[in-house]
Amino acid sequence: MTTEPYRLSATQASAKIRTGDLTVEEYARSLLSHIEKRDPVVKAWEHINPEQVIARAKELDAIPPEKRGPLHGVAIAVKDVIYTKG
């Protein structure tokens, strides 16, 4: 049985993206789908822009492998207790 991408750890997702077994877009779509299903119950997200997420994932997929960093395409969430500009 294949693990859904949203269930992967950062290390696992990074490895699969690096080897080409998973695209950043596939990973992002899996995360967004899971968020859409679960957030009405857990209410963890104040703001999320799926169109922006997918657009950025496509941009990241277009970057040549030799120019990618170690956490290329790995998703993070910023907690609302952290001050961010804009």
PDB file of N, CA and C in Angstrom:
ATOM      1  N   MET A   1       0.841  -1.180   0.000  1.00  0.00           N
ATOM      2  CA  MET A   1       0.000   0.000   0.000  1.00  0.00           C
ATOM      3  C   MET A   1       0.888   1.245   0.000  1.00  0.00           C
ATOM      4  N   THR A   2       0.581   2.182  -0.847  1.00  0.00           N
ATOM      5  CA  THR A   2       1.351   3.410  -0.968  1.00  0.00           C
ATOM      6  C   THR A   2       0.891   4.428   0.075  1.00  0.00           C
ATOM      7  N   THR A   3       1.843   5.075   0.714  1.00  0.00           N
ATOM      8  CA  THR A   3       1.537   6.112   1.692  1.00  0.00           C
ATOM      9  C   THR A   3       1.101   7.375   0.973  1.00  0.00           C
ATOM     10  N   GLU A   4      -0.002   7.954   1.430  1.00  0.00           N
ATOM     11  CA  GLU A   4      -0.444   9.231   0.873  1.00  0.00           C
ATOM     12  C   GLU A   4       0.635  10.276   1.162  1.00  0.00           C
ATOM     13  N   PRO A   5       0.938  11.140   0.187  1.00  0.00           N
ATOM     14  CA  PRO A   5       2.004  12.126   0.401  1.00  0.00           C
ATOM     15  C   PRO A   5       1.824  12.992   1.647  1.00  0.00           C
ATOM     16  N   TYR A   6       0.588  13.335   2.006  1.00  0.00           N
ATOM     17  CA  TYR A   6       0.400  14.188   3.181  1.00  0.00           C
ATOM     18  C   TYR A   6       0.862  13.497   4.470  1.00  0.00           C
ATOM     19  N   ARG A   7       0.987  12.189   4.459  1.00  0.00           N
ATOM     20  CA  ARG A   7       1.414  11.435   5.639  1.00  0.00           C
ATOM     21  C   ARG A   7       2.938  11.329   5.770  1.00  0.00           C
ATOM     22  N   LEU A   8       3.667  11.753   4.757  1.00  0.00           N
ATOM     23  CA  LEU A   8       5.127  11.645   4.773  1.00  0.00           C
ATOM     24  C   LEU A   8       5.745  12.636   5.752  1.00  0.00           C
ATOM     25  N   SER A   9       6.814  12.224   6.394  1.00  0.00           N
ATOM     26  CA  SER A   9       7.591  13.159   7.205  1.00  0.00           C
ATOM     27  C   SER A   9       8.333  14.100   6.255  1.00  0.00           C
ATOM     28  N   ALA A  10       8.889  15.165   6.794  1.00  0.00           N
ATOM     29  CA  ALA A  10       9.669  16.089   5.963  1.00  0.00           C
ATOM     30  C   ALA A  10      10.842  15.360   5.313  1.00  0.00           C
ATOM     31  N   THR A  11      11.481  14.472   6.054  1.00  0.00           N
ATOM     32  CA  THR A  11      12.608  13.705   5.517  1.00  0.00           C
ATOM     33  C   THR A  11      12.165  12.803   4.374  1.00  0.00           C
ATOM     34  N   GLN A  12      11.047  12.120   4.558  1.00  0.00           N
ATOM     35  CA  GLN A  12      10.536  11.224   3.519  1.00  0.00           C
ATOM     36  C   GLN A  12      10.105  12.002   2.277  1.00  0.00           C
ATOM     37  N   ALA A  13       9.372  13.100   2.477  1.00  0.00           N
ATOM     38  CA  ALA A  13       8.914  13.908   1.341  1.00  0.00           C
ATOM     39  C   ALA A  13      10.107  14.460   0.577  1.00  0.00           C
ATOM     40  N   SER A  14      11.088  14.979   1.306  1.00  0.00           N
ATOM     41  CA  SER A  14      12.282  15.529   0.678  1.00  0.00           C
ATOM     42  C   SER A  14      12.994  14.477  -0.168  1.00  0.00           C
ATOM     43  N   ALA A  15      13.122  13.277   0.363  1.00  0.00           N
ATOM     44  CA  ALA A  15      13.798  12.199  -0.372  1.00  0.00           C
ATOM     45  C   ALA A  15      13.033  11.833  -1.638  1.00  0.00           C
ATOM     46  N   LYS A  16      11.715  11.733  -1.548  1.00  0.00           N
ATOM     47  CA  LYS A  16      10.908  11.372  -2.717  1.00  0.00           C
ATOM     48  C   LYS A  16      10.936  12.476  -3.777  1.00  0.00           C
ATOM     49  N   ILE A  17      10.926  13.729  -3.346  1.00  0.00           N
ATOM     50  CA  ILE A  17      11.013  14.842  -4.293  1.00  0.00           C
ATOM     51  C   ILE A  17      12.392  14.830  -4.959  1.00  0.00           C
ATOM     52  N   ARG A  18      13.419  14.596  -4.173  1.00  0.00           N
ATOM     53  CA  ARG A  18      14.791  14.577  -4.699  1.00  0.00           C
ATOM     54  C   ARG A  18      14.984  13.479  -5.744  1.00  0.00           C
ATOM     55  N   THR A  19      14.398  12.299  -5.517  1.00  0.00           N
ATOM     56  CA  THR A  19      14.566  11.182  -6.451  1.00  0.00           C
ATOM     57  C   THR A  19      13.586  11.226  -7.618  1.00  0.00           C
ATOM     58  N   GLY A  20      12.622  12.138  -7.560  1.00  0.00           N
ATOM     59  CA  GLY A  20      11.636  12.228  -8.633  1.00  0.00           C
ATOM     60  C   GLY A  20      10.454  11.291  -8.458  1.00  0.00           C
ATOM     61  N   ASP A  21      10.384  10.600  -7.321  1.00  0.00           N
ATOM     62  CA  ASP A  21       9.247   9.722  -7.047  1.00  0.00           C
ATOM     63  C   ASP A  21       7.990  10.508  -6.683  1.00  0.00           C
ATOM     64  N   LEU A  22       8.160  11.787  -6.381  1.00  0.00           N
ATOM     65  CA  LEU A  22       7.056  12.663  -5.999  1.00  0.00           C
ATOM     66  C   LEU A  22       7.369  14.062  -6.494  1.00  0.00           C
ATOM     67  N   THR A  23       6.407  14.710  -7.124  1.00  0.00           N
ATOM     68  CA  THR A  23       6.612  16.107  -7.513  1.00  0.00           C
ATOM     69  C   THR A  23       6.130  17.004  -6.377  1.00  0.00           C
ATOM     70  N   VAL A  24       6.614  18.215  -6.373  1.00  0.00           N
ATOM     71  CA  VAL A  24       6.167  19.182  -5.374  1.00  0.00           C
ATOM     72  C   VAL A  24       4.668  19.431  -5.556  1.00  0.00           C
ATOM     73  N   GLU A  25       4.219  19.479  -6.801  1.00  0.00           N
ATOM     74  CA  GLU A  25       2.792  19.698  -7.047  1.00  0.00           C
ATOM     75  C   GLU A  25       1.944  18.550  -6.488  1.00  0.00           C
ATOM     76  N   GLU A  26       2.361  17.319  -6.693  1.00  0.00           N
ATOM     77  CA  GLU A  26       1.619  16.170  -6.146  1.00  0.00           C
ATOM     78  C   GLU A  26       1.564  16.250  -4.618  1.00  0.00           C
ATOM     79  N   TYR A  27       2.688  16.579  -4.028  1.00  0.00           N
ATOM     80  CA  TYR A  27       2.775  16.716  -2.574  1.00  0.00           C
ATOM     81  C   TYR A  27       1.838  17.825  -2.091  1.00  0.00           C
ATOM     82  N   ALA A  28       1.892  18.976  -2.748  1.00  0.00           N
ATOM     83  CA  ALA A  28       1.050  20.106  -2.362  1.00  0.00           C
ATOM     84  C   ALA A  28      -0.433  19.776  -2.508  1.00  0.00           C
ATOM     85  N   ARG A  29      -0.804  19.141  -3.598  1.00  0.00           N
ATOM     86  CA  ARG A  29      -2.217  18.773  -3.803  1.00  0.00           C
ATOM     87  C   ARG A  29      -2.699  17.791  -2.731  1.00  0.00           C
ATOM     88  N   SER A  30      -1.854  16.865  -2.342  1.00  0.00           N
ATOM     89  CA  SER A  30      -2.211  15.922  -1.287  1.00  0.00           C
ATOM     90  C   SER A  30      -2.416  16.652   0.045  1.00  0.00           C
ATOM     91  N   LEU A  31      -1.510  17.560   0.361  1.00  0.00           N
ATOM     92  CA  LEU A  31      -1.637  18.336   1.596  1.00  0.00           C
ATOM     93  C   LEU A  31      -2.906  19.181   1.583  1.00  0.00           C
ATOM     94  N   LEU A  32      -3.162  19.856   0.471  1.00  0.00           N
ATOM     95  CA  LEU A  32      -4.354  20.701   0.367  1.00  0.00           C
ATOM     96  C   LEU A  32      -5.638  19.885   0.483  1.00  0.00           C
ATOM     97  N   SER A  33      -5.662  18.717  -0.126  1.00  0.00           N
ATOM     98  CA  SER A  33      -6.834  17.847  -0.050  1.00  0.00           C
ATOM     99  C   SER A  33      -7.093  17.418   1.394  1.00  0.00           C
ATOM    100  N   HIS A  34      -6.035  17.066   2.089  1.00  0.00           N
ATOM    101  CA  HIS A  34      -6.186  16.654   3.485  1.00  0.00           C
ATOM    102  C   HIS A  34      -6.639  17.830   4.356  1.00  0.00           C
ATOM    103  N   ILE A  35      -6.077  18.989   4.123  1.00  0.00           N
ATOM    104  CA  ILE A  35      -6.486  20.185   4.868  1.00  0.00           C
ATOM    105  C   ILE A  35      -7.966  20.466   4.630  1.00  0.00           C
ATOM    106  N   GLU A  36      -8.403  20.375   3.376  1.00  0.00           N
ATOM    107  CA  GLU A  36      -9.806  20.634   3.040  1.00  0.00           C
ATOM    108  C   GLU A  36     -10.744  19.675   3.786  1.00  0.00           C
ATOM    109  N   LYS A  37     -10.328  18.424   3.921  1.00  0.00           N
ATOM    110  CA  LYS A  37     -11.153  17.424   4.617  1.00  0.00           C
ATOM    111  C   LYS A  37     -11.162  17.625   6.129  1.00  0.00           C
ATOM    112  N   ARG A  38     -10.020  17.960   6.704  1.00  0.00           N
ATOM    113  CA  ARG A  38      -9.886  17.991   8.162  1.00  0.00           C
ATOM    114  C   ARG A  38     -10.100  19.348   8.814  1.00  0.00           C
ATOM    115  N   ASP A  39      -9.847  20.433   8.089  1.00  0.00           N
ATOM    116  CA  ASP A  39      -9.880  21.741   8.736  1.00  0.00           C
ATOM    117  C   ASP A  39     -11.251  22.148   9.273  1.00  0.00           C
ATOM    118  N   PRO A  40     -12.361  21.738   8.655  1.00  0.00           N
ATOM    119  CA  PRO A  40     -13.644  22.100   9.269  1.00  0.00           C
ATOM    120  C   PRO A  40     -13.785  21.577  10.704  1.00  0.00           C
ATOM    121  N   VAL A  41     -13.085  20.506  11.023  1.00  0.00           N
ATOM    122  CA  VAL A  41     -13.139  19.929  12.366  1.00  0.00           C
ATOM    123  C   VAL A  41     -12.058  20.526  13.266  1.00  0.00           C
ATOM    124  N   VAL A  42     -10.822  20.565  12.781  1.00  0.00           N
ATOM    125  CA  VAL A  42      -9.709  20.995  13.638  1.00  0.00           C
ATOM    126  C   VAL A  42      -9.474  22.502  13.638  1.00  0.00           C
ATOM    127  N   LYS A  43      -9.932  23.175  12.612  1.00  0.00           N
ATOM    128  CA  LYS A  43      -9.809  24.641  12.513  1.00  0.00           C
ATOM    129  C   LYS A  43      -8.378  25.120  12.786  1.00  0.00           C
ATOM    130  N   ALA A  44      -7.433  24.500  12.084  1.00  0.00           N
ATOM    131  CA  ALA A  44      -6.021  24.817  12.287  1.00  0.00           C
ATOM    132  C   ALA A  44      -5.530  25.960  11.413  1.00  0.00           C
ATOM    133  N   TRP A  45      -6.261  26.286  10.368  1.00  0.00           N
ATOM    134  CA  TRP A  45      -5.775  27.254   9.388  1.00  0.00           C
ATOM    135  C   TRP A  45      -6.578  28.544   9.436  1.00  0.00           C
ATOM    136  N   GLU A  46      -5.869  29.647   9.626  1.00  0.00           N
ATOM    137  CA  GLU A  46      -6.489  30.971   9.562  1.00  0.00           C
ATOM    138  C   GLU A  46      -6.611  31.413   8.113  1.00  0.00           C
ATOM    139  N   HIS A  47      -5.569  31.147   7.327  1.00  0.00           N
ATOM    140  CA  HIS A  47      -5.552  31.565   5.921  1.00  0.00           C
ATOM    141  C   HIS A  47      -4.766  30.548   5.109  1.00  0.00           C
ATOM    142  N   ILE A  48      -5.332  30.181   3.980  1.00  0.00           N
ATOM    143  CA  ILE A  48      -4.621  29.323   3.033  1.00  0.00           C
ATOM    144  C   ILE A  48      -5.115  29.678   1.637  1.00  0.00           C
ATOM    145  N   ASN A  49      -4.193  29.767   0.698  1.00  0.00           N
ATOM    146  CA  ASN A  49      -4.525  30.140  -0.678  1.00  0.00           C
ATOM    147  C   ASN A  49      -4.106  28.989  -1.595  1.00  0.00           C
ATOM    148  N   PRO A  50      -5.026  28.052  -1.864  1.00  0.00           N
ATOM    149  CA  PRO A  50      -4.668  26.878  -2.669  1.00  0.00           C
ATOM    150  C   PRO A  50      -4.102  27.209  -4.048  1.00  0.00           C
ATOM    151  N   GLU A  51      -4.638  28.228  -4.693  1.00  0.00           N
ATOM    152  CA  GLU A  51      -4.136  28.590  -6.023  1.00  0.00           C
ATOM    153  C   GLU A  51      -2.682  29.031  -5.954  1.00  0.00           C
ATOM    154  N   GLN A  52      -2.349  29.800  -4.935  1.00  0.00           N
ATOM    155  CA  GLN A  52      -0.970  30.261  -4.762  1.00  0.00           C
ATOM    156  C   GLN A  52      -0.048  29.082  -4.427  1.00  0.00           C
ATOM    157  N   VAL A  53      -0.533  28.165  -3.622  1.00  0.00           N
ATOM    158  CA  VAL A  53       0.258  26.985  -3.253  1.00  0.00           C
ATOM    159  C   VAL A  53       0.596  26.167  -4.493  1.00  0.00           C
ATOM    160  N   ILE A  54      -0.407  25.902  -5.335  1.00  0.00           N
ATOM    161  CA  ILE A  54      -0.188  25.094  -6.541  1.00  0.00           C
ATOM    162  C   ILE A  54       0.714  25.830  -7.530  1.00  0.00           C
ATOM    163  N   ALA A  55       0.504  27.125  -7.688  1.00  0.00           N
ATOM    164  CA  ALA A  55       1.354  27.900  -8.602  1.00  0.00           C
ATOM    165  C   ALA A  55       2.813  27.838  -8.153  1.00  0.00           C
ATOM    166  N   ARG A  56       3.046  27.984  -6.855  1.00  0.00           N
ATOM    167  CA  ARG A  56       4.419  27.935  -6.340  1.00  0.00           C
ATOM    168  C   ARG A  56       4.999  26.528  -6.478  1.00  0.00           C
ATOM    169  N   ALA A  57       4.182  25.509  -6.253  1.00  0.00           N
ATOM    170  CA  ALA A  57       4.647  24.125  -6.410  1.00  0.00           C
ATOM    171  C   ALA A  57       5.110  23.874  -7.841  1.00  0.00           C
ATOM    172  N   LYS A  58       4.365  24.382  -8.807  1.00  0.00           N
ATOM    173  CA  LYS A  58       4.751  24.220 -10.216  1.00  0.00           C
ATOM    174  C   LYS A  58       6.071  24.931 -10.497  1.00  0.00           C
ATOM    175  N   GLU A  59       6.245  26.117  -9.914  1.00  0.00           N
ATOM    176  CA  GLU A  59       7.511  26.845 -10.078  1.00  0.00           C
ATOM    177  C   GLU A  59       8.669  26.028  -9.496  1.00  0.00           C
ATOM    178  N   LEU A  60       8.450  25.448  -8.332  1.00  0.00           N
ATOM    179  CA  LEU A  60       9.503  24.652  -7.693  1.00  0.00           C
ATOM    180  C   LEU A  60       9.829  23.402  -8.498  1.00  0.00           C
ATOM    181  N   ASP A  61       8.812  22.777  -9.092  1.00  0.00           N
ATOM    182  CA  ASP A  61       9.057  21.596  -9.929  1.00  0.00           C
ATOM    183  C   ASP A  61       9.894  21.937 -11.158  1.00  0.00           C
ATOM    184  N   ALA A  62       9.807  23.182 -11.618  1.00  0.00           N
ATOM    185  CA  ALA A  62      10.537  23.596 -12.821  1.00  0.00           C
ATOM    186  C   ALA A  62      12.021  23.876 -12.549  1.00  0.00           C
ATOM    187  N   ILE A  63      12.398  23.980 -11.293  1.00  0.00           N
ATOM    188  CA  ILE A  63      13.799  24.239 -10.951  1.00  0.00           C
ATOM    189  C   ILE A  63      14.615  22.967 -11.186  1.00  0.00           C
ATOM    190  N   PRO A  64      15.728  23.070 -11.909  1.00  0.00           N
ATOM    191  CA  PRO A  64      16.559  21.882 -12.168  1.00  0.00           C
ATOM    192  C   PRO A  64      17.055  21.248 -10.863  1.00  0.00           C
ATOM    193  N   PRO A  65      17.123  19.930 -10.814  1.00  0.00           N
ATOM    194  CA  PRO A  65      17.543  19.239  -9.586  1.00  0.00           C
ATOM    195  C   PRO A  65      18.861  19.736  -8.998  1.00  0.00           C
ATOM    196  N   GLU A  66      19.815  20.086  -9.835  1.00  0.00           N
ATOM    197  CA  GLU A  66      21.118  20.524  -9.316  1.00  0.00           C
ATOM    198  C   GLU A  66      21.052  21.889  -8.632  1.00  0.00           C
ATOM    199  N   LYS A  67      19.957  22.616  -8.786  1.00  0.00           N
ATOM    200  CA  LYS A  67      19.816  23.937  -8.162  1.00  0.00           C
ATOM    201  C   LYS A  67      18.882  23.904  -6.950  1.00  0.00           C
ATOM    202  N   ARG A  68      18.455  22.724  -6.556  1.00  0.00           N
ATOM    203  CA  ARG A  68      17.514  22.581  -5.448  1.00  0.00           C
ATOM    204  C   ARG A  68      18.247  22.439  -4.120  1.00  0.00           C
ATOM    205  N   GLY A  69      17.654  23.004  -3.079  1.00  0.00           N
ATOM    206  CA  GLY A  69      18.205  22.870  -1.734  1.00  0.00           C
ATOM    207  C   GLY A  69      17.747  21.586  -1.063  1.00  0.00           C
ATOM    208  N   PRO A  70      18.263  21.301   0.128  1.00  0.00           N
ATOM    209  CA  PRO A  70      17.949  20.044   0.806  1.00  0.00           C
ATOM    210  C   PRO A  70      16.483  19.890   1.216  1.00  0.00           C
ATOM    211  N   LEU A  71      15.778  20.970   1.425  1.00  0.00           N
ATOM    212  CA  LEU A  71      14.362  20.895   1.797  1.00  0.00           C
ATOM    213  C   LEU A  71      13.454  21.376   0.669  1.00  0.00           C
ATOM    214  N   HIS A  72      13.935  21.284  -0.541  1.00  0.00           N
ATOM    215  CA  HIS A  72      13.197  21.749  -1.713  1.00  0.00           C
ATOM    216  C   HIS A  72      11.785  21.160  -1.739  1.00  0.00           C
ATOM    217  N   GLY A  73      10.785  22.033  -1.728  1.00  0.00           N
ATOM    218  CA  GLY A  73       9.398  21.613  -1.866  1.00  0.00           C
ATOM    219  C   GLY A  73       8.722  21.123  -0.610  1.00  0.00           C
ATOM    220  N   VAL A  74       9.447  21.037   0.496  1.00  0.00           N
ATOM    221  CA  VAL A  74       8.855  20.555   1.740  1.00  0.00           C
ATOM    222  C   VAL A  74       7.996  21.666   2.339  1.00  0.00           C
ATOM    223  N   ALA A  75       6.780  21.307   2.703  1.00  0.00           N
ATOM    224  CA  ALA A  75       5.824  22.290   3.221  1.00  0.00           C
ATOM    225  C   ALA A  75       6.112  22.637   4.678  1.00  0.00           C
ATOM    226  N   ILE A  76       5.854  23.886   5.013  1.00  0.00           N
ATOM    227  CA  ILE A  76       5.909  24.337   6.403  1.00  0.00           C
ATOM    228  C   ILE A  76       4.648  25.153   6.675  1.00  0.00           C
ATOM    229  N   ALA A  77       4.312  25.269   7.923  1.00  0.00           N
ATOM    230  CA  ALA A  77       3.203  26.130   8.337  1.00  0.00           C
ATOM    231  C   ALA A  77       3.760  27.124   9.342  1.00  0.00           C
ATOM    232  N   VAL A  78       3.307  28.352   9.254  1.00  0.00           N
ATOM    233  CA  VAL A  78       3.742  29.384  10.189  1.00  0.00           C
ATOM    234  C   VAL A  78       2.622  29.592  11.203  1.00  0.00           C
ATOM    235  N   LYS A  79       2.920  29.348  12.453  1.00  0.00           N
ATOM    236  CA  LYS A  79       1.940  29.501  13.524  1.00  0.00           C
ATOM    237  C   LYS A  79       1.623  30.972  13.701  1.00  0.00           C
ATOM    238  N   ASP A  80       0.374  31.278  14.024  1.00  0.00           N
ATOM    239  CA  ASP A  80      -0.058  32.670  14.117  1.00  0.00           C
ATOM    240  C   ASP A  80       0.511  33.422  15.315  1.00  0.00           C
ATOM    241  N   VAL A  81       1.293  32.781  16.148  1.00  0.00           N
ATOM    242  CA  VAL A  81       1.937  33.487  17.252  1.00  0.00           C
ATOM    243  C   VAL A  81       3.297  34.045  16.840  1.00  0.00           C
ATOM    244  N   ILE A  82       3.683  33.822  15.585  1.00  0.00           N
ATOM    245  CA  ILE A  82       4.940  34.343  15.057  1.00  0.00           C
ATOM    246  C   ILE A  82       4.626  35.584  14.239  1.00  0.00           C
ATOM    247  N   TYR A  83       5.270  36.692  14.548  1.00  0.00           N
ATOM    248  CA  TYR A  83       5.041  37.922  13.806  1.00  0.00           C
ATOM    249  C   TYR A  83       5.606  37.789  12.397  1.00  0.00           C
ATOM    250  N   THR A  84       4.775  38.078  11.413  1.00  0.00           N
ATOM    251  CA  THR A  84       5.218  38.095  10.018  1.00  0.00           C
ATOM    252  C   THR A  84       4.807  39.414   9.403  1.00  0.00           C
ATOM    253  N   LYS A  85       5.643  39.945   8.555  1.00  0.00           N
ATOM    254  CA  LYS A  85       5.342  41.200   7.892  1.00  0.00           C
ATOM    255  C   LYS A  85       4.440  40.922   6.698  1.00  0.00           C
ATOM    256  N   GLY A  86       3.384  41.733   6.549  1.00  0.00           N
ATOM    257  CA  GLY A  86       2.501  41.620   5.390  1.00  0.00           C
ATOM    258  C   GLY A  86       1.513  40.545   5.566  1.00  0.00           C
TER     259      GLY A  86
END
